[in-house]
Amino acid sequence: MSVLHVAPEACLEPRLRSLIGQGYVTADVRPGRADLTMDIMDIHAPDKTYDRIICSHVLEHVDDDRQAMREFRRVLKTDGEAYLLVPITNGERTYEDPAITDPRDRERAFGQRDHVRKYGSDYLDRLRACEFDVEVLRVSDVAGPEDAERMGLHSASAGEIYVCRRGIAPGRA
């Protein structure tokens, strides 16, 4: 199995590397923080390279999130899955304004100095516009109450898990 893990969490990386082995590859935009230095808006990998992609709480930092989504779809194998999680903090509509570049202004507008948007419930539409079929899972779908408590996954704070699969692009078979 080949897995691309973007901005790998320190608590997950060793466990996943141990379980998956050589097929597990980490990537980060900052050099030295992962196996590969990578801009997810321009992934230097052939089409249909990865069986799984894990990208949690990264897209809100990326200038062109839709380009990154299209790149994830491109490098995802036909039967693969991408787990693309973001914080949903802005009601129905995603808020972004590329004119806001000062870190203090970004913190006021987006809640964090290095964020470039606040996602709303239209995140699902953004994924679908990039030709993903999306299944939305909740904490209760993946863990029982005892396991969720042990892992600190509370429905109110953990958010939803977006399982993305390659949809068939319009006009293609």
N, C-alpha and C. Protein backbone atom coordinates (compact mmCIF):
# COMPACT_ATOMS: atom_id res chain seq x y z
N MET A 1 0.84 -1.18 0.00
CA MET A 1 0.00 0.00 0.00
C MET A 1 0.89 1.25 0.00
N SER A 2 0.48 2.24 -0.76
CA SER A 2 1.21 3.50 -0.78
C SER A 2 0.34 4.59 -0.16
N VAL A 3 0.91 5.26 0.84
CA VAL A 3 0.17 6.28 1.60
C VAL A 3 0.98 7.56 1.62
N LEU A 4 0.33 8.67 1.24
CA LEU A 4 0.92 10.00 1.35
C LEU A 4 0.27 10.67 2.55
N HIS A 5 1.10 11.07 3.52
CA HIS A 5 0.61 11.74 4.74
C HIS A 5 1.19 13.15 4.74
N VAL A 6 0.31 14.14 4.55
CA VAL A 6 0.73 15.53 4.45
C VAL A 6 0.77 16.15 5.85
N ALA A 7 1.86 16.86 6.15
CA ALA A 7 2.06 17.49 7.46
C ALA A 7 1.74 16.48 8.56
N PRO A 8 2.50 15.40 8.61
CA PRO A 8 2.16 14.29 9.51
C PRO A 8 2.17 14.70 10.98
N GLU A 9 1.14 14.26 11.67
CA GLU A 9 1.05 14.51 13.12
C GLU A 9 2.04 13.61 13.84
N ALA A 10 2.76 14.18 14.80
CA ALA A 10 3.80 13.43 15.54
C ALA A 10 3.23 12.22 16.25
N CYS A 11 1.97 12.28 16.66
CA CYS A 11 1.37 11.15 17.37
C CYS A 11 0.96 10.02 16.42
N LEU A 12 0.79 10.32 15.14
CA LEU A 12 0.37 9.29 14.17
C LEU A 12 1.51 8.73 13.34
N GLU A 13 2.49 9.56 13.01
CA GLU A 13 3.53 9.14 12.07
C GLU A 13 4.24 7.84 12.47
N PRO A 14 4.75 7.70 13.69
CA PRO A 14 5.47 6.46 14.00
C PRO A 14 4.58 5.22 13.90
N ARG A 15 3.35 5.34 14.34
CA ARG A 15 2.44 4.20 14.30
C ARG A 15 2.12 3.82 12.85
N LEU A 16 1.83 4.81 12.02
CA LEU A 16 1.51 4.52 10.62
C LEU A 16 2.73 3.99 9.87
N ARG A 17 3.89 4.56 10.14
CA ARG A 17 5.11 4.10 9.49
C ARG A 17 5.37 2.63 9.84
N SER A 18 5.14 2.28 11.08
CA SER A 18 5.33 0.90 11.54
C SER A 18 4.31 -0.05 10.89
N LEU A 19 3.07 0.38 10.78
CA LEU A 19 2.03 -0.47 10.20
C LEU A 19 2.15 -0.61 8.68
N ILE A 20 2.49 0.47 8.00
CA ILE A 20 2.47 0.48 6.54
C ILE A 20 3.82 0.12 5.93
N GLY A 21 4.90 0.53 6.59
CA GLY A 21 6.23 0.21 6.09
C GLY A 21 6.69 1.14 4.99
N GLN A 22 7.39 0.60 3.99
CA GLN A 22 8.03 1.41 2.95
C GLN A 22 7.06 2.22 2.11
N GLY A 23 5.81 1.82 2.05
CA GLY A 23 4.84 2.54 1.25
C GLY A 23 4.35 3.83 1.90
N TYR A 24 4.75 4.06 3.15
CA TYR A 24 4.31 5.25 3.88
C TYR A 24 5.28 6.39 3.61
N VAL A 25 4.76 7.50 3.05
CA VAL A 25 5.59 8.65 2.71
C VAL A 25 4.96 9.89 3.33
N THR A 26 5.80 10.69 4.01
CA THR A 26 5.31 11.93 4.59
C THR A 26 5.78 13.10 3.74
N ALA A 27 5.00 14.18 3.80
CA ALA A 27 5.33 15.38 3.01
C ALA A 27 4.96 16.62 3.80
N ASP A 28 5.77 17.65 3.63
CA ASP A 28 5.50 18.94 4.27
C ASP A 28 6.09 20.03 3.39
N VAL A 29 5.49 21.19 3.43
CA VAL A 29 5.99 22.32 2.64
C VAL A 29 7.32 22.84 3.19
N ARG A 30 7.57 22.60 4.48
CA ARG A 30 8.81 23.08 5.09
C ARG A 30 9.89 21.99 5.02
N PRO A 31 11.05 22.31 4.49
CA PRO A 31 12.12 21.33 4.35
C PRO A 31 12.53 20.74 5.70
N GLY A 32 12.85 19.44 5.67
CA GLY A 32 13.35 18.76 6.85
C GLY A 32 12.30 18.27 7.83
N ARG A 33 11.03 18.52 7.57
CA ARG A 33 9.98 18.12 8.50
C ARG A 33 9.31 16.81 8.10
N ALA A 34 9.66 16.27 6.92
CA ALA A 34 9.03 15.06 6.42
C ALA A 34 9.95 14.40 5.41
N ASP A 35 9.52 13.25 4.90
CA ASP A 35 10.31 12.55 3.89
C ASP A 35 10.50 13.39 2.64
N LEU A 36 9.43 14.08 2.23
CA LEU A 36 9.46 14.90 1.02
C LEU A 36 9.11 16.35 1.35
N THR A 37 9.76 17.28 0.68
CA THR A 37 9.34 18.67 0.73
C THR A 37 8.38 18.84 -0.44
N MET A 38 7.14 19.28 -0.15
CA MET A 38 6.12 19.26 -1.18
C MET A 38 5.14 20.42 -1.02
N ASP A 39 4.84 21.04 -2.14
CA ASP A 39 3.74 21.98 -2.23
C ASP A 39 2.56 21.19 -2.76
N ILE A 40 1.50 21.05 -1.98
CA ILE A 40 0.40 20.19 -2.41
C ILE A 40 -0.42 20.79 -3.56
N MET A 41 -0.10 22.01 -3.94
CA MET A 41 -0.74 22.58 -5.13
C MET A 41 -0.02 22.13 -6.40
N ASP A 42 1.14 21.48 -6.24
CA ASP A 42 1.93 21.02 -7.38
C ASP A 42 2.71 19.78 -6.95
N ILE A 43 2.02 18.66 -6.88
CA ILE A 43 2.61 17.42 -6.39
C ILE A 43 3.42 16.77 -7.51
N HIS A 44 4.70 16.56 -7.27
CA HIS A 44 5.59 15.96 -8.25
C HIS A 44 5.54 14.44 -8.11
N ALA A 45 4.45 13.87 -8.59
CA ALA A 45 4.25 12.42 -8.59
C ALA A 45 3.38 12.10 -9.80
N PRO A 46 3.55 10.91 -10.36
CA PRO A 46 2.71 10.52 -11.49
C PRO A 46 1.24 10.39 -11.08
N ASP A 47 0.37 10.46 -12.05
CA ASP A 47 -1.05 10.22 -11.82
C ASP A 47 -1.24 8.86 -11.15
N LYS A 48 -2.24 8.78 -10.29
CA LYS A 48 -2.65 7.52 -9.65
C LYS A 48 -1.51 6.82 -8.93
N THR A 49 -0.77 7.56 -8.13
CA THR A 49 0.37 7.02 -7.39
C THR A 49 -0.02 6.41 -6.05
N TYR A 50 -0.95 7.03 -5.33
CA TYR A 50 -1.20 6.68 -3.92
C TYR A 50 -2.54 5.97 -3.71
N ASP A 51 -2.50 4.95 -2.84
CA ASP A 51 -3.72 4.25 -2.42
C ASP A 51 -4.51 5.08 -1.41
N ARG A 52 -3.79 5.79 -0.55
CA ARG A 52 -4.42 6.61 0.50
C ARG A 52 -3.66 7.93 0.62
N ILE A 53 -4.42 8.98 0.92
CA ILE A 53 -3.84 10.29 1.22
C ILE A 53 -4.46 10.76 2.52
N ILE A 54 -3.62 11.21 3.43
CA ILE A 54 -4.08 11.76 4.70
C ILE A 54 -3.64 13.21 4.75
N CYS A 55 -4.61 14.11 4.91
CA CYS A 55 -4.30 15.53 4.97
C CYS A 55 -5.29 16.15 5.97
N SER A 56 -4.82 16.39 7.16
CA SER A 56 -5.69 16.88 8.23
C SER A 56 -5.28 18.29 8.65
N HIS A 57 -6.22 19.20 8.52
CA HIS A 57 -6.05 20.58 8.96
C HIS A 57 -4.83 21.24 8.28
N VAL A 58 -4.79 21.09 6.97
CA VAL A 58 -3.74 21.71 6.15
C VAL A 58 -4.34 22.66 5.11
N LEU A 59 -5.45 22.29 4.51
CA LEU A 59 -5.99 23.06 3.40
C LEU A 59 -6.35 24.50 3.76
N GLU A 60 -6.63 24.76 5.02
CA GLU A 60 -6.93 26.14 5.43
C GLU A 60 -5.69 27.02 5.43
N HIS A 61 -4.51 26.42 5.21
CA HIS A 61 -3.24 27.15 5.13
C HIS A 61 -2.80 27.38 3.68
N VAL A 62 -3.46 26.74 2.73
CA VAL A 62 -3.01 26.69 1.34
C VAL A 62 -3.71 27.77 0.51
N ASP A 63 -2.92 28.53 -0.24
CA ASP A 63 -3.48 29.63 -1.02
C ASP A 63 -4.60 29.19 -1.95
N ASP A 64 -4.40 28.12 -2.70
CA ASP A 64 -5.41 27.65 -3.65
C ASP A 64 -5.81 26.23 -3.26
N ASP A 65 -6.76 26.13 -2.35
CA ASP A 65 -7.16 24.81 -1.84
C ASP A 65 -7.77 23.94 -2.93
N ARG A 66 -8.45 24.54 -3.88
CA ARG A 66 -9.06 23.74 -4.95
C ARG A 66 -7.99 23.12 -5.85
N GLN A 67 -6.91 23.84 -6.09
CA GLN A 67 -5.81 23.27 -6.86
C GLN A 67 -5.20 22.09 -6.09
N ALA A 68 -5.04 22.24 -4.79
CA ALA A 68 -4.52 21.14 -3.97
C ALA A 68 -5.46 19.94 -4.03
N MET A 69 -6.77 20.18 -3.96
CA MET A 69 -7.75 19.09 -4.05
C MET A 69 -7.64 18.38 -5.39
N ARG A 70 -7.51 19.16 -6.47
CA ARG A 70 -7.37 18.56 -7.80
C ARG A 70 -6.09 17.73 -7.88
N GLU A 71 -5.03 18.20 -7.27
CA GLU A 71 -3.77 17.44 -7.26
C GLU A 71 -3.93 16.14 -6.46
N PHE A 72 -4.60 16.21 -5.32
CA PHE A 72 -4.85 14.99 -4.55
C PHE A 72 -5.63 13.98 -5.39
N ARG A 73 -6.65 14.45 -6.09
CA ARG A 73 -7.44 13.54 -6.92
C ARG A 73 -6.57 12.94 -8.02
N ARG A 74 -5.72 13.75 -8.61
CA ARG A 74 -4.86 13.29 -9.71
C ARG A 74 -3.94 12.17 -9.26
N VAL A 75 -3.33 12.30 -8.08
CA VAL A 75 -2.35 11.31 -7.63
C VAL A 75 -2.97 10.15 -6.85
N LEU A 76 -4.29 10.21 -6.65
CA LEU A 76 -5.00 9.13 -5.96
C LEU A 76 -5.34 8.02 -6.94
N LYS A 77 -5.04 6.79 -6.56
CA LYS A 77 -5.37 5.65 -7.42
C LYS A 77 -6.89 5.56 -7.59
N THR A 78 -7.30 4.90 -8.65
CA THR A 78 -8.72 4.79 -8.99
C THR A 78 -9.55 4.28 -7.83
N ASP A 79 -9.06 3.31 -7.10
CA ASP A 79 -9.81 2.74 -5.97
C ASP A 79 -9.30 3.27 -4.62
N GLY A 80 -8.57 4.37 -4.65
CA GLY A 80 -7.99 4.92 -3.43
C GLY A 80 -8.96 5.79 -2.64
N GLU A 81 -8.48 6.23 -1.47
CA GLU A 81 -9.26 7.11 -0.60
C GLU A 81 -8.35 8.21 -0.08
N ALA A 82 -8.89 9.42 -0.04
CA ALA A 82 -8.19 10.55 0.55
C ALA A 82 -9.01 11.03 1.74
N TYR A 83 -8.34 11.23 2.86
CA TYR A 83 -8.98 11.73 4.08
C TYR A 83 -8.56 13.19 4.22
N LEU A 84 -9.47 14.09 3.86
CA LEU A 84 -9.16 15.51 3.76
C LEU A 84 -9.97 16.26 4.82
N LEU A 85 -9.38 16.45 5.97
CA LEU A 85 -10.07 17.07 7.10
C LEU A 85 -9.70 18.54 7.22
N VAL A 86 -10.69 19.35 7.54
CA VAL A 86 -10.48 20.78 7.79
C VAL A 86 -11.37 21.19 8.95
N PRO A 87 -11.02 22.27 9.64
CA PRO A 87 -11.94 22.78 10.66
C PRO A 87 -13.09 23.54 9.97
N ILE A 88 -14.31 23.20 10.32
CA ILE A 88 -15.48 23.91 9.79
C ILE A 88 -15.89 24.90 10.88
N THR A 89 -15.64 26.17 10.62
CA THR A 89 -15.82 27.19 11.67
C THR A 89 -16.64 28.39 11.23
N ASN A 90 -17.20 28.36 10.01
CA ASN A 90 -17.82 29.58 9.50
C ASN A 90 -19.24 29.38 8.98
N GLY A 91 -20.02 28.55 9.62
CA GLY A 91 -21.41 28.42 9.19
C GLY A 91 -21.55 27.81 7.81
N GLU A 92 -22.41 28.42 6.99
CA GLU A 92 -22.73 27.83 5.69
C GLU A 92 -21.69 28.09 4.61
N ARG A 93 -21.05 29.23 4.61
CA ARG A 93 -20.15 29.61 3.53
C ARG A 93 -18.71 29.76 4.00
N THR A 94 -17.80 29.27 3.19
CA THR A 94 -16.38 29.46 3.45
C THR A 94 -16.05 30.93 3.23
N TYR A 95 -15.25 31.47 4.14
CA TYR A 95 -14.83 32.87 4.02
C TYR A 95 -13.35 32.91 3.70
N GLU A 96 -13.00 33.59 2.63
CA GLU A 96 -11.60 33.81 2.28
C GLU A 96 -11.48 35.15 1.59
N ASP A 97 -10.33 35.77 1.77
CA ASP A 97 -10.05 37.06 1.14
C ASP A 97 -8.56 37.12 0.90
N PRO A 98 -8.11 36.87 -0.35
CA PRO A 98 -6.67 36.85 -0.64
C PRO A 98 -5.96 38.17 -0.39
N ALA A 99 -6.73 39.25 -0.25
CA ALA A 99 -6.11 40.55 0.04
C ALA A 99 -5.62 40.64 1.48
N ILE A 100 -6.09 39.75 2.34
CA ILE A 100 -5.65 39.75 3.74
C ILE A 100 -4.35 38.96 3.82
N THR A 101 -3.24 39.65 4.00
CA THR A 101 -1.93 38.99 4.02
C THR A 101 -1.16 39.22 5.31
N ASP A 102 -1.48 40.25 6.05
CA ASP A 102 -0.78 40.51 7.31
C ASP A 102 -1.19 39.45 8.33
N PRO A 103 -0.21 38.83 9.00
CA PRO A 103 -0.53 37.77 9.97
C PRO A 103 -1.54 38.19 11.04
N ARG A 104 -1.45 39.42 11.53
CA ARG A 104 -2.40 39.86 12.56
C ARG A 104 -3.81 39.99 11.99
N ASP A 105 -3.89 40.48 10.75
CA ASP A 105 -5.19 40.58 10.10
C ASP A 105 -5.77 39.19 9.80
N ARG A 106 -4.89 38.26 9.43
CA ARG A 106 -5.34 36.88 9.19
C ARG A 106 -5.86 36.25 10.49
N GLU A 107 -5.18 36.52 11.58
CA GLU A 107 -5.66 35.98 12.85
C GLU A 107 -7.05 36.50 13.17
N ARG A 108 -7.26 37.79 12.96
CA ARG A 108 -8.59 38.37 13.20
C ARG A 108 -9.64 37.79 12.26
N ALA A 109 -9.29 37.65 10.98
CA ALA A 109 -10.26 37.22 9.97
C ALA A 109 -10.50 35.71 9.97
N PHE A 110 -9.42 34.94 10.17
CA PHE A 110 -9.51 33.50 9.97
C PHE A 110 -9.23 32.68 11.24
N GLY A 111 -8.90 33.36 12.34
CA GLY A 111 -8.71 32.66 13.61
C GLY A 111 -7.30 32.20 13.90
N GLN A 112 -6.41 32.33 12.93
CA GLN A 112 -5.02 31.92 13.12
C GLN A 112 -4.16 32.69 12.12
N ARG A 113 -2.95 33.04 12.52
CA ARG A 113 -2.07 33.87 11.70
C ARG A 113 -1.69 33.24 10.36
N ASP A 114 -1.66 31.92 10.31
CA ASP A 114 -1.24 31.26 9.07
C ASP A 114 -2.40 30.64 8.29
N HIS A 115 -3.63 30.97 8.66
CA HIS A 115 -4.78 30.49 7.90
C HIS A 115 -5.12 31.51 6.81
N VAL A 116 -5.67 31.02 5.70
CA VAL A 116 -6.08 31.90 4.61
C VAL A 116 -7.57 31.80 4.34
N ARG A 117 -8.27 31.00 5.13
CA ARG A 117 -9.73 30.90 5.00
C ARG A 117 -10.32 30.25 6.25
N LYS A 118 -11.62 30.47 6.41
CA LYS A 118 -12.43 29.77 7.41
C LYS A 118 -13.46 28.98 6.62
N TYR A 119 -13.39 27.65 6.74
CA TYR A 119 -14.32 26.82 5.99
C TYR A 119 -15.71 26.84 6.61
N GLY A 120 -16.69 26.77 5.73
CA GLY A 120 -18.08 26.62 6.12
C GLY A 120 -18.58 25.25 5.68
N SER A 121 -19.86 25.03 5.87
CA SER A 121 -20.43 23.73 5.52
C SER A 121 -20.41 23.48 4.00
N ASP A 122 -20.05 24.48 3.21
CA ASP A 122 -19.91 24.29 1.76
C ASP A 122 -18.61 23.56 1.39
N TYR A 123 -17.82 23.17 2.38
CA TYR A 123 -16.58 22.41 2.11
C TYR A 123 -16.88 21.17 1.27
N LEU A 124 -17.95 20.50 1.59
CA LEU A 124 -18.36 19.31 0.85
C LEU A 124 -18.56 19.65 -0.63
N ASP A 125 -19.18 20.78 -0.92
CA ASP A 125 -19.37 21.22 -2.31
C ASP A 125 -18.04 21.49 -2.99
N ARG A 126 -17.08 22.04 -2.26
CA ARG A 126 -15.76 22.31 -2.83
C ARG A 126 -15.08 21.01 -3.24
N LEU A 127 -15.18 20.00 -2.38
CA LEU A 127 -14.59 18.69 -2.69
C LEU A 127 -15.27 18.08 -3.92
N ARG A 128 -16.58 18.13 -3.95
CA ARG A 128 -17.33 17.56 -5.08
C ARG A 128 -17.03 18.30 -6.37
N ALA A 129 -16.82 19.61 -6.31
CA ALA A 129 -16.47 20.39 -7.50
C ALA A 129 -15.13 19.95 -8.08
N CYS A 130 -14.30 19.34 -7.25
CA CYS A 130 -13.00 18.82 -7.70
C CYS A 130 -13.09 17.34 -8.06
N GLU A 131 -14.32 16.89 -8.31
CA GLU A 131 -14.61 15.55 -8.82
C GLU A 131 -14.33 14.43 -7.83
N PHE A 132 -14.54 14.71 -6.56
CA PHE A 132 -14.49 13.66 -5.55
C PHE A 132 -15.91 13.20 -5.23
N ASP A 133 -16.06 11.90 -5.00
CA ASP A 133 -17.23 11.37 -4.33
C ASP A 133 -16.87 11.40 -2.86
N VAL A 134 -17.74 11.92 -2.01
CA VAL A 134 -17.38 12.14 -0.62
C VAL A 134 -18.35 11.44 0.32
N GLU A 135 -17.79 10.72 1.27
CA GLU A 135 -18.55 10.13 2.36
C GLU A 135 -18.16 10.88 3.63
N VAL A 136 -19.14 11.34 4.37
CA VAL A 136 -18.87 12.09 5.58
C VAL A 136 -19.12 11.17 6.77
N LEU A 137 -18.07 10.99 7.58
CA LEU A 137 -18.17 10.17 8.79
C LEU A 137 -18.08 11.05 10.02
N ARG A 138 -18.71 10.59 11.08
CA ARG A 138 -18.62 11.29 12.36
C ARG A 138 -17.89 10.39 13.35
N VAL A 139 -17.51 10.95 14.46
CA VAL A 139 -16.77 10.19 15.48
C VAL A 139 -17.51 8.90 15.81
N SER A 140 -18.80 8.98 15.99
CA SER A 140 -19.58 7.80 16.37
C SER A 140 -19.57 6.72 15.28
N ASP A 141 -19.22 7.08 14.04
CA ASP A 141 -19.13 6.11 12.95
C ASP A 141 -17.84 5.30 13.00
N VAL A 142 -16.82 5.83 13.65
CA VAL A 142 -15.51 5.17 13.62
C VAL A 142 -15.01 4.70 14.97
N ALA A 143 -15.65 5.14 16.05
CA ALA A 143 -15.18 4.74 17.39
C ALA A 143 -16.36 4.70 18.35
N GLY A 144 -16.32 3.72 19.23
CA GLY A 144 -17.32 3.65 20.28
C GLY A 144 -17.06 4.72 21.33
N PRO A 145 -18.00 4.95 22.23
CA PRO A 145 -17.86 6.02 23.22
C PRO A 145 -16.59 5.91 24.07
N GLU A 146 -16.24 4.70 24.46
CA GLU A 146 -15.05 4.51 25.31
C GLU A 146 -13.77 4.84 24.54
N ASP A 147 -13.64 4.34 23.31
CA ASP A 147 -12.47 4.63 22.49
C ASP A 147 -12.39 6.11 22.14
N ALA A 148 -13.53 6.70 21.81
CA ALA A 148 -13.56 8.13 21.48
C ALA A 148 -13.08 8.97 22.66
N GLU A 149 -13.52 8.61 23.86
CA GLU A 149 -13.10 9.35 25.06
C GLU A 149 -11.60 9.18 25.29
N ARG A 150 -11.11 7.95 25.15
CA ARG A 150 -9.68 7.67 25.34
C ARG A 150 -8.81 8.45 24.37
N MET A 151 -9.30 8.61 23.13
CA MET A 151 -8.53 9.31 22.09
C MET A 151 -8.81 10.81 22.07
N GLY A 152 -9.70 11.27 22.93
CA GLY A 152 -10.02 12.70 22.97
C GLY A 152 -10.84 13.16 21.78
N LEU A 153 -11.58 12.24 21.19
CA LEU A 153 -12.43 12.56 20.04
C LEU A 153 -13.85 12.82 20.52
N HIS A 154 -14.17 14.06 20.64
CA HIS A 154 -15.50 14.43 21.07
C HIS A 154 -16.22 15.02 19.87
N SER A 155 -17.45 14.61 19.65
CA SER A 155 -18.18 15.03 18.45
C SER A 155 -18.14 16.53 18.24
N ALA A 156 -18.24 17.30 19.29
CA ALA A 156 -18.27 18.76 19.14
C ALA A 156 -16.92 19.32 18.69
N SER A 157 -15.82 18.67 19.06
CA SER A 157 -14.52 19.24 18.75
C SER A 157 -13.76 18.50 17.64
N ALA A 158 -14.08 17.23 17.42
CA ALA A 158 -13.31 16.44 16.46
C ALA A 158 -13.68 16.73 15.02
N GLY A 159 -14.87 17.23 14.79
CA GLY A 159 -15.28 17.52 13.43
C GLY A 159 -15.65 16.26 12.66
N GLU A 160 -15.79 16.42 11.37
CA GLU A 160 -16.19 15.32 10.51
C GLU A 160 -14.99 14.82 9.73
N ILE A 161 -15.08 13.58 9.31
CA ILE A 161 -14.04 12.95 8.52
C ILE A 161 -14.57 12.86 7.09
N TYR A 162 -13.87 13.46 6.15
CA TYR A 162 -14.29 13.47 4.76
C TYR A 162 -13.48 12.42 4.02
N VAL A 163 -14.14 11.33 3.64
CA VAL A 163 -13.50 10.25 2.90
C VAL A 163 -13.79 10.49 1.43
N CYS A 164 -12.75 10.82 0.69
CA CYS A 164 -12.89 11.22 -0.71
C CYS A 164 -12.39 10.12 -1.63
N ARG A 165 -13.21 9.82 -2.62
CA ARG A 165 -12.84 8.84 -3.64
C ARG A 165 -12.94 9.51 -5.00
N ARG A 166 -12.15 9.02 -5.94
CA ARG A 166 -12.18 9.58 -7.30
C ARG A 166 -13.56 9.39 -7.89
N GLY A 167 -14.22 10.47 -8.22
CA GLY A 167 -15.47 10.39 -8.97
C GLY A 167 -15.13 10.31 -10.44
N ILE A 168 -16.10 9.95 -11.24
CA ILE A 168 -15.88 9.92 -12.69
C ILE A 168 -16.10 11.34 -13.19
N ALA A 169 -15.09 11.87 -13.83
CA ALA A 169 -15.17 13.25 -14.34
C ALA A 169 -16.20 13.32 -15.46
N PRO A 170 -16.92 14.41 -15.54
CA PRO A 170 -17.92 14.58 -16.62
C PRO A 170 -17.26 14.37 -17.98
N GLY A 171 -17.92 13.61 -18.85
CA GLY A 171 -17.39 13.38 -20.19
C GLY A 171 -16.37 12.28 -20.27
N ARG A 172 -16.05 11.65 -19.13
CA ARG A 172 -15.07 10.54 -19.13
C ARG A 172 -15.76 9.27 -18.67
N ALA A 173 -15.27 8.16 -19.11
CA ALA A 173 -15.84 6.88 -18.67
C ALA A 173 -15.02 6.30 -17.56
